[in-house]
PDB file of N, CA and C in Angstrom:
ATOM      1  N   MET A   1      94.306  77.737 121.675  1.00  0.00           N
ATOM      2  CA  MET A   1      95.742  77.893 121.540  1.00  0.00           C
ATOM      3  C   MET A   1      96.275  78.467 122.853  1.00  0.00           C
ATOM      4  N   SER A   2      97.284  77.847 123.402  1.00  0.00           N
ATOM      5  CA  SER A   2      97.866  78.362 124.632  1.00  0.00           C
ATOM      6  C   SER A   2      98.871  79.454 124.300  1.00  0.00           C
ATOM      7  N   GLU A   3      98.807  80.500 125.094  1.00  0.00           N
ATOM      8  CA  GLU A   3      99.709  81.624 124.850  1.00  0.00           C
ATOM      9  C   GLU A   3     100.907  81.535 125.779  1.00  0.00           C
ATOM     10  N   VAL A   4     102.063  81.731 125.238  1.00  0.00           N
ATOM     11  CA  VAL A   4     103.290  81.784 126.006  1.00  0.00           C
ATOM     12  C   VAL A   4     103.767  83.216 125.936  1.00  0.00           C
ATOM     13  N   THR A   5     103.911  83.866 127.067  1.00  0.00           N
ATOM     14  CA  THR A   5     104.328  85.259 127.050  1.00  0.00           C
ATOM     15  C   THR A   5     105.733  85.387 127.596  1.00  0.00           C
ATOM     16  N   SER A   6     106.472  86.288 127.003  1.00  0.00           N
ATOM     17  CA  SER A   6     107.827  86.547 127.464  1.00  0.00           C
ATOM     18  C   SER A   6     107.785  87.673 128.481  1.00  0.00           C
ATOM     19  N   ALA A   7     108.929  88.096 128.928  1.00  0.00           N
ATOM     20  CA  ALA A   7     109.019  89.142 129.940  1.00  0.00           C
ATOM     21  C   ALA A   7     108.481  90.477 129.433  1.00  0.00           C
ATOM     22  N   LYS A   8     108.564  90.725 128.145  1.00  0.00           N
ATOM     23  CA  LYS A   8     108.104  92.003 127.596  1.00  0.00           C
ATOM     24  C   LYS A   8     106.623  91.988 127.253  1.00  0.00           C
ATOM     25  N   GLY A   9     105.929  90.900 127.495  1.00  0.00           N
ATOM     26  CA  GLY A   9     104.506  90.830 127.250  1.00  0.00           C
ATOM     27  C   GLY A   9     104.114  90.340 125.871  1.00  0.00           C
ATOM     28  N   TYR A  10     105.076  89.913 125.068  1.00  0.00           N
ATOM     29  CA  TYR A  10     104.775  89.404 123.736  1.00  0.00           C
ATOM     30  C   TYR A  10     104.371  87.941 123.811  1.00  0.00           C
ATOM     31  N   ASP A  11     103.459  87.573 122.928  1.00  0.00           N
ATOM     32  CA  ASP A  11     103.090  86.171 122.768  1.00  0.00           C
ATOM     33  C   ASP A  11     104.156  85.528 121.889  1.00  0.00           C
ATOM     34  N   THR A  12     104.860  84.557 122.439  1.00  0.00           N
ATOM     35  CA  THR A  12     105.959  83.936 121.695  1.00  0.00           C
ATOM     36  C   THR A  12     105.581  82.563 121.139  1.00  0.00           C
ATOM     37  N   SER A  13     104.309  82.193 121.234  1.00  0.00           N
ATOM     38  CA  SER A  13     103.902  80.904 120.686  1.00  0.00           C
ATOM     39  C   SER A  13     103.924  80.973 119.162  1.00  0.00           C
ATOM     40  N   PRO A  14     104.224  79.848 118.509  1.00  0.00           N
ATOM     41  CA  PRO A  14     104.264  79.853 117.042  1.00  0.00           C
ATOM     42  C   PRO A  14     102.884  80.151 116.463  1.00  0.00           C
ATOM     43  N   MET A  15     102.864  80.924 115.366  1.00  0.00           N
ATOM     44  CA  MET A  15     101.606  81.205 114.680  1.00  0.00           C
ATOM     45  C   MET A  15     101.248  80.018 113.801  1.00  0.00           C
ATOM     46  N   THR A  16      99.970  79.719 113.733  1.00  0.00           N
ATOM     47  CA  THR A  16      99.516  78.613 112.891  1.00  0.00           C
ATOM     48  C   THR A  16      99.430  79.078 111.439  1.00  0.00           C
ATOM     49  N   VAL A  17      99.224  78.137 110.530  1.00  0.00           N
ATOM     50  CA  VAL A  17      99.053  78.468 109.120  1.00  0.00           C
ATOM     51  C   VAL A  17      97.835  79.374 108.944  1.00  0.00           C
ATOM     52  N   GLY A  18      96.782  79.103 109.686  1.00  0.00           N
ATOM     53  CA  GLY A  18      95.589  79.942 109.630  1.00  0.00           C
ATOM     54  C   GLY A  18      95.871  81.369 110.074  1.00  0.00           C
ATOM     55  N   ASP A  19      96.680  81.522 111.137  1.00  0.00           N
ATOM     56  CA  ASP A  19      97.056  82.865 111.591  1.00  0.00           C
ATOM     57  C   ASP A  19      97.824  83.616 110.513  1.00  0.00           C
ATOM     58  N   TRP A  20      98.753  82.918 109.831  1.00  0.00           N
ATOM     59  CA  TRP A  20      99.528  83.552 108.769  1.00  0.00           C
ATOM     60  C   TRP A  20      98.643  83.916 107.586  1.00  0.00           C
ATOM     61  N   LEU A  21      97.678  83.037 107.248  1.00  0.00           N
ATOM     62  CA  LEU A  21      96.775  83.336 106.141  1.00  0.00           C
ATOM     63  C   LEU A  21      95.942  84.579 106.438  1.00  0.00           C
ATOM     64  N   ILE A  22      95.416  84.671 107.650  1.00  0.00           N
ATOM     65  CA  ILE A  22      94.644  85.854 108.033  1.00  0.00           C
ATOM     66  C   ILE A  22      95.524  87.097 107.985  1.00  0.00           C
ATOM     67  N   THR A  23      96.746  86.977 108.480  1.00  0.00           N
ATOM     68  CA  THR A  23      97.667  88.113 108.455  1.00  0.00           C
ATOM     69  C   THR A  23      97.920  88.581 107.026  1.00  0.00           C
ATOM     70  N   MET A  24      98.181  87.649 106.117  1.00  0.00           N
ATOM     71  CA  MET A  24      98.461  88.024 104.727  1.00  0.00           C
ATOM     72  C   MET A  24      97.232  88.606 104.033  1.00  0.00           C
ATOM     73  N   ILE A  25      96.053  88.055 104.327  1.00  0.00           N
ATOM     74  CA  ILE A  25      94.833  88.597 103.732  1.00  0.00           C
ATOM     75  C   ILE A  25      94.587  90.016 104.223  1.00  0.00           C
ATOM     76  N   VAL A  26      94.743  90.241 105.522  1.00  0.00           N
ATOM     77  CA  VAL A  26      94.534  91.589 106.072  1.00  0.00           C
ATOM     78  C   VAL A  26      95.556  92.563 105.496  1.00  0.00           C
ATOM     79  N   LEU A  27      96.812  92.149 105.369  1.00  0.00           N
ATOM     80  CA  LEU A  27      97.838  93.036 104.823  1.00  0.00           C
ATOM     81  C   LEU A  27      97.636  93.298 103.339  1.00  0.00           C
ATOM     82  N   GLY A  28      96.856  92.461 102.665  1.00  0.00           N
ATOM     83  CA  GLY A  28      96.577  92.652 101.248  1.00  0.00           C
ATOM     84  C   GLY A  28      95.498  93.684 100.969  1.00  0.00           C
ATOM     85  N   ILE A  29      94.748  94.092 101.987  1.00  0.00           N
ATOM     86  CA  ILE A  29      93.706  95.107 101.819  1.00  0.00           C
ATOM     87  C   ILE A  29      94.401  96.475 101.831  1.00  0.00           C
ATOM     88  N   PRO A  30      94.236  97.279 100.771  1.00  0.00           N
ATOM     89  CA  PRO A  30      95.056  98.480 100.596  1.00  0.00           C
ATOM     90  C   PRO A  30      95.249  99.378 101.825  1.00  0.00           C
ATOM     91  N   LEU A  31      94.280 100.084 102.304  1.00  0.00           N
ATOM     92  CA  LEU A  31      94.502 101.018 103.405  1.00  0.00           C
ATOM     93  C   LEU A  31      94.522 100.305 104.753  1.00  0.00           C
ATOM     94  N   VAL A  32      93.655  99.341 104.913  1.00  0.00           N
ATOM     95  CA  VAL A  32      93.592  98.567 106.157  1.00  0.00           C
ATOM     96  C   VAL A  32      94.910  97.836 106.386  1.00  0.00           C
ATOM     97  N   GLY A  33      95.483  97.298 105.325  1.00  0.00           N
ATOM     98  CA  GLY A  33      96.749  96.577 105.442  1.00  0.00           C
ATOM     99  C   GLY A  33      97.877  97.467 105.938  1.00  0.00           C
ATOM    100  N   LEU A  34      97.941  98.687 105.434  1.00  0.00           N
ATOM    101  CA  LEU A  34      98.987  99.618 105.891  1.00  0.00           C
ATOM    102  C   LEU A  34      98.803  99.978 107.354  1.00  0.00           C
ATOM    103  N   ILE A  35      97.556 100.233 107.744  1.00  0.00           N
ATOM    104  CA  ILE A  35      97.285 100.572 109.150  1.00  0.00           C
ATOM    105  C   ILE A  35      97.631  99.398 110.055  1.00  0.00           C
ATOM    106  N   MET A  36      97.233  98.180 109.663  1.00  0.00           N
ATOM    107  CA  MET A  36      97.527  97.007 110.485  1.00  0.00           C
ATOM    108  C   MET A  36      99.022  96.692 110.503  1.00  0.00           C
ATOM    109  N   LEU A  37      99.700  96.940 109.388  1.00  0.00           N
ATOM    110  CA  LEU A  37     101.151  96.733 109.343  1.00  0.00           C
ATOM    111  C   LEU A  37     101.830  97.625 110.368  1.00  0.00           C
ATOM    112  N   LEU A  38     101.424  98.881 110.408  1.00  0.00           N
ATOM    113  CA  LEU A  38     101.985  99.806 111.397  1.00  0.00           C
ATOM    114  C   LEU A  38     101.590  99.412 112.813  1.00  0.00           C
ATOM    115  N   TYR A  39     100.324  99.029 112.997  1.00  0.00           N
ATOM    116  CA  TYR A  39      99.852  98.646 114.331  1.00  0.00           C
ATOM    117  C   TYR A  39     100.600  97.431 114.852  1.00  0.00           C
ATOM    118  N   TRP A  40     100.677  96.373 114.030  1.00  0.00           N
ATOM    119  CA  TRP A  40     101.332  95.152 114.472  1.00  0.00           C
ATOM    120  C   TRP A  40     102.829  95.338 114.684  1.00  0.00           C
ATOM    121  N   SER A  41     103.460  96.202 113.912  1.00  0.00           N
ATOM    122  CA  SER A  41     104.905  96.377 114.070  1.00  0.00           C
ATOM    123  C   SER A  41     105.248  97.287 115.242  1.00  0.00           C
ATOM    124  N   LEU A  42     104.361  98.192 115.594  1.00  0.00           N
ATOM    125  CA  LEU A  42     104.658  99.141 116.668  1.00  0.00           C
ATOM    126  C   LEU A  42     104.006  98.788 117.998  1.00  0.00           C
ATOM    127  N   SER A  43     103.152  97.760 118.012  1.00  0.00           N
ATOM    128  CA  SER A  43     102.451  97.368 119.227  1.00  0.00           C
ATOM    129  C   SER A  43     103.416  96.749 120.237  1.00  0.00           C
ATOM    130  N   SER A  44     103.160  97.032 121.504  1.00  0.00           N
ATOM    131  CA  SER A  44     104.015  96.465 122.554  1.00  0.00           C
ATOM    132  C   SER A  44     103.485  95.130 123.057  1.00  0.00           C
ATOM    133  N   THR A  45     102.371  94.667 122.498  1.00  0.00           N
ATOM    134  CA  THR A  45     101.823  93.356 122.842  1.00  0.00           C
ATOM    135  C   THR A  45     101.533  92.608 121.546  1.00  0.00           C
ATOM    136  N   GLY A  46     101.038  91.406 121.654  1.00  0.00           N
ATOM    137  CA  GLY A  46     100.719  90.615 120.466  1.00  0.00           C
ATOM    138  C   GLY A  46     101.794  89.578 120.200  1.00  0.00           C
ATOM    139  N   ASN A  47     101.675  88.932 119.051  1.00  0.00           N
ATOM    140  CA  ASN A  47     102.593  87.854 118.711  1.00  0.00           C
ATOM    141  C   ASN A  47     103.929  88.418 118.227  1.00  0.00           C
ATOM    142  N   LEU A  48     105.001  87.945 118.810  1.00  0.00           N
ATOM    143  CA  LEU A  48     106.341  88.422 118.468  1.00  0.00           C
ATOM    144  C   LEU A  48     106.712  88.079 117.033  1.00  0.00           C
ATOM    145  N   ASN A  49     106.275  86.919 116.536  1.00  0.00           N
ATOM    146  CA  ASN A  49     106.578  86.523 115.161  1.00  0.00           C
ATOM    147  C   ASN A  49     105.915  87.472 114.163  1.00  0.00           C
ATOM    148  N   ARG A  50     104.639  87.823 114.412  1.00  0.00           N
ATOM    149  CA  ARG A  50     103.932  88.749 113.528  1.00  0.00           C
ATOM    150  C   ARG A  50     104.588  90.135 113.582  1.00  0.00           C
ATOM    151  N   ARG A  51     104.998  90.556 114.770  1.00  0.00           N
ATOM    152  CA  ARG A  51     105.647  91.863 114.922  1.00  0.00           C
ATOM    153  C   ARG A  51     106.941  91.911 114.113  1.00  0.00           C
ATOM    154  N   ASN A  52     107.750  90.872 114.211  1.00  0.00           N
ATOM    155  CA  ASN A  52     109.008  90.852 113.465  1.00  0.00           C
ATOM    156  C   ASN A  52     108.769  90.821 111.958  1.00  0.00           C
ATOM    157  N   TYR A  53     107.756  90.075 111.523  1.00  0.00           N
ATOM    158  CA  TYR A  53     107.413  90.031 110.100  1.00  0.00           C
ATOM    159  C   TYR A  53     107.002  91.421 109.616  1.00  0.00           C
ATOM    160  N   CYS A  54     106.171  92.108 110.386  1.00  0.00           N
ATOM    161  CA  CYS A  54     105.717  93.440 109.995  1.00  0.00           C
ATOM    162  C   CYS A  54     106.865  94.441 109.998  1.00  0.00           C
ATOM    163  N   LEU A  55     107.766  94.346 110.958  1.00  0.00           N
ATOM    164  CA  LEU A  55     108.942  95.225 110.965  1.00  0.00           C
ATOM    165  C   LEU A  55     109.814  94.982 109.739  1.00  0.00           C
ATOM    166  N   ALA A  56     110.033  93.720 109.397  1.00  0.00           N
ATOM    167  CA  ALA A  56     110.836  93.399 108.219  1.00  0.00           C
ATOM    168  C   ALA A  56     110.157  93.900 106.953  1.00  0.00           C
ATOM    169  N   THR A  57     108.831  93.771 106.879  1.00  0.00           N
ATOM    170  CA  THR A  57     108.093  94.267 105.720  1.00  0.00           C
ATOM    171  C   THR A  57     108.225  95.777 105.595  1.00  0.00           C
ATOM    172  N   LEU A  58     108.148  96.491 106.701  1.00  0.00           N
ATOM    173  CA  LEU A  58     108.323  97.944 106.666  1.00  0.00           C
ATOM    174  C   LEU A  58     109.717  98.335 106.193  1.00  0.00           C
ATOM    175  N   VAL A  59     110.733  97.602 106.615  1.00  0.00           N
ATOM    176  CA  VAL A  59     112.100  97.882 106.167  1.00  0.00           C
ATOM    177  C   VAL A  59     112.217  97.667 104.658  1.00  0.00           C
ATOM    178  N   VAL A  60     111.668  96.561 104.160  1.00  0.00           N
ATOM    179  CA  VAL A  60     111.719  96.280 102.719  1.00  0.00           C
ATOM    180  C   VAL A  60     110.983  97.366 101.933  1.00  0.00           C
ATOM    181  N   VAL A  61     109.812  97.769 102.401  1.00  0.00           N
ATOM    182  CA  VAL A  61     109.048  98.822 101.722  1.00  0.00           C
ATOM    183  C   VAL A  61     109.825 100.139 101.732  1.00  0.00           C
ATOM    184  N   ALA A  62     110.461 100.465 102.849  1.00  0.00           N
ATOM    185  CA  ALA A  62     111.239 101.705 102.929  1.00  0.00           C
ATOM    186  C   ALA A  62     112.415 101.678 101.952  1.00  0.00           C
ATOM    187  N   VAL A  63     113.104 100.555 101.839  1.00  0.00           N
ATOM    188  CA  VAL A  63     114.229 100.436 100.907  1.00  0.00           C
ATOM    189  C   VAL A  63     113.747 100.568  99.462  1.00  0.00           C
ATOM    190  N   ILE A  64     112.616  99.925  99.139  1.00  0.00           N
ATOM    191  CA  ILE A  64     112.077 100.007  97.781  1.00  0.00           C
ATOM    192  C   ILE A  64     111.664 101.443  97.459  1.00  0.00           C
ATOM    193  N   LEU A  65     111.017 102.130  98.393  1.00  0.00           N
ATOM    194  CA  LEU A  65     110.632 103.526  98.168  1.00  0.00           C
ATOM    195  C   LEU A  65     111.854 104.416  97.993  1.00  0.00           C
ATOM    196  N   LEU A  66     112.888 104.183  98.788  1.00  0.00           N
ATOM    197  CA  LEU A  66     114.111 104.964  98.666  1.00  0.00           C
ATOM    198  C   LEU A  66     114.759 104.755  97.299  1.00  0.00           C
ATOM    199  N   LEU A  67     114.825 103.504  96.854  1.00  0.00           N
ATOM    200  CA  LEU A  67     115.385 103.228  95.532  1.00  0.00           C
ATOM    201  C   LEU A  67     114.537 103.863  94.429  1.00  0.00           C
ATOM    202  N   PHE A  68     113.219 103.819  94.573  1.00  0.00           N
ATOM    203  CA  PHE A  68     112.332 104.434  93.596  1.00  0.00           C
ATOM    204  C   PHE A  68     112.583 105.932  93.507  1.00  0.00           C
ATOM    205  N   VAL A  69     112.718 106.591  94.644  1.00  0.00           N
ATOM    206  CA  VAL A  69     112.970 108.032  94.653  1.00  0.00           C
ATOM    207  C   VAL A  69     114.327 108.341  94.014  1.00  0.00           C
ATOM    208  N   ILE A  70     115.338 107.560  94.328  1.00  0.00           N
ATOM    209  CA  ILE A  70     116.669 107.788  93.749  1.00  0.00           C
ATOM    210  C   ILE A  70     116.620 107.632  92.237  1.00  0.00           C
ATOM    211  N   PHE A  71     115.995 106.555  91.744  1.00  0.00           N
ATOM    212  CA  PHE A  71     115.910 106.353  90.291  1.00  0.00           C
ATOM    213  C   PHE A  71     115.055 107.418  89.627  1.00  0.00           C
ATOM    214  N   ALA A  72     114.002 107.871  90.280  1.00  0.00           N
ATOM    215  CA  ALA A  72     113.152 108.916  89.713  1.00  0.00           C
ATOM    216  C   ALA A  72     113.916 110.234  89.606  1.00  0.00           C
ATOM    217  N   VAL A  73     114.701 110.564  90.621  1.00  0.00           N
ATOM    218  CA  VAL A  73     115.481 111.812  90.588  1.00  0.00           C
ATOM    219  C   VAL A  73     116.542 111.743  89.498  1.00  0.00           C
ATOM    220  N   PHE A  74     117.299 110.654  89.456  1.00  0.00           N
ATOM    221  CA  PHE A  74     118.348 110.549  88.434  1.00  0.00           C
ATOM    222  C   PHE A  74     117.760 110.425  87.037  1.00  0.00           C
ATOM    223  N   GLY A  75     116.634 109.729  86.889  1.00  0.00           N
ATOM    224  CA  GLY A  75     115.976 109.636  85.589  1.00  0.00           C
ATOM    225  C   GLY A  75     115.455 110.991  85.144  1.00  0.00           C
ATOM    226  N   GLY A  76     114.890 111.746  86.070  1.00  0.00           N
ATOM    227  CA  GLY A  76     114.422 113.091  85.751  1.00  0.00           C
ATOM    228  C   GLY A  76     115.563 114.019  85.380  1.00  0.00           C
ATOM    229  N   LEU A  77     116.656 113.907  86.107  1.00  0.00           N
ATOM    230  CA  LEU A  77     117.826 114.737  85.785  1.00  0.00           C
ATOM    231  C   LEU A  77     118.396 114.369  84.419  1.00  0.00           C
ATOM    232  N   ALA A  78     118.443 113.080  84.104  1.00  0.00           N
ATOM    233  CA  ALA A  78     118.960 112.649  82.807  1.00  0.00           C
ATOM    234  C   ALA A  78     118.061 113.148  81.686  1.00  0.00           C
ATOM    235  N   MET A  79     116.762 113.084  81.886  1.00  0.00           N
ATOM    236  CA  MET A  79     115.832 113.577  80.867  1.00  0.00           C
ATOM    237  C   MET A  79     115.965 115.092  80.703  1.00  0.00           C
ATOM    238  N   PHE A  80     116.088 115.793  81.802  1.00  0.00           N
ATOM    239  CA  PHE A  80     116.247 117.243  81.759  1.00  0.00           C
ATOM    240  C   PHE A  80     117.534 117.643  81.045  1.00  0.00           C
ATOM    241  N   MET A  81     118.607 116.928  81.371  1.00  0.00           N
ATOM    242  CA  MET A  81     119.902 117.256  80.738  1.00  0.00           C
ATOM    243  C   MET A  81     119.887 116.919  79.252  1.00  0.00           C
ATOM    244  N   SER A  82     119.199 115.851  78.849  1.00  0.00           N
ATOM    245  CA  SER A  82     119.162 115.496  77.432  1.00  0.00           C
ATOM    246  C   SER A  82     118.351 116.518  76.633  1.00  0.00           C
ATOM    247  N   ARG A  83     117.359 117.123  77.227  1.00  0.00           N
ATOM    248  CA  ARG A  83     116.572 118.146  76.529  1.00  0.00           C
ATOM    249  C   ARG A  83     117.304 119.478  76.478  1.00  0.00           C
ATOM    250  N   GLN A  84     118.160 119.727  77.384  1.00  0.00           N
ATOM    251  CA  GLN A  84     118.933 120.981  77.378  1.00  0.00           C
ATOM    252  C   GLN A  84     119.923 121.018  76.225  1.00  0.00           C
ATOM    253  N   GLY A  85     120.448 119.875  75.854  1.00  0.00           N
ATOM    254  CA  GLY A  85     121.427 119.803  74.765  1.00  0.00           C
ATOM    255  C   GLY A  85     120.786 119.863  73.380  1.00  0.00           C
ATOM    256  N   ALA A  86     119.486 119.608  73.282  1.00  0.00           N
ATOM    257  CA  ALA A  86     118.813 119.576  71.968  1.00  0.00           C
ATOM    258  C   ALA A  86     118.403 120.930  71.488  1.00  0.00           C
TER     259      ALA A  86
END
């Protein structure tokens, strides 16, 4: 595979289906996937497409965690308030 690099040192060549499959399999491994997600998203080299995918995945995970915390706090407060009235 020929690599095309941009001015910032990223590989801008399209990833193959095999590259995407390997990426998804690696990201599916519990602890290794989190470490690689952080590595690929924060690395200053590597494939730009993979970096953008990992950054987008981190944003989605952060939003889901934030929503989970908000619902957990409000659900806990609602449960606490309902027991206070009984």
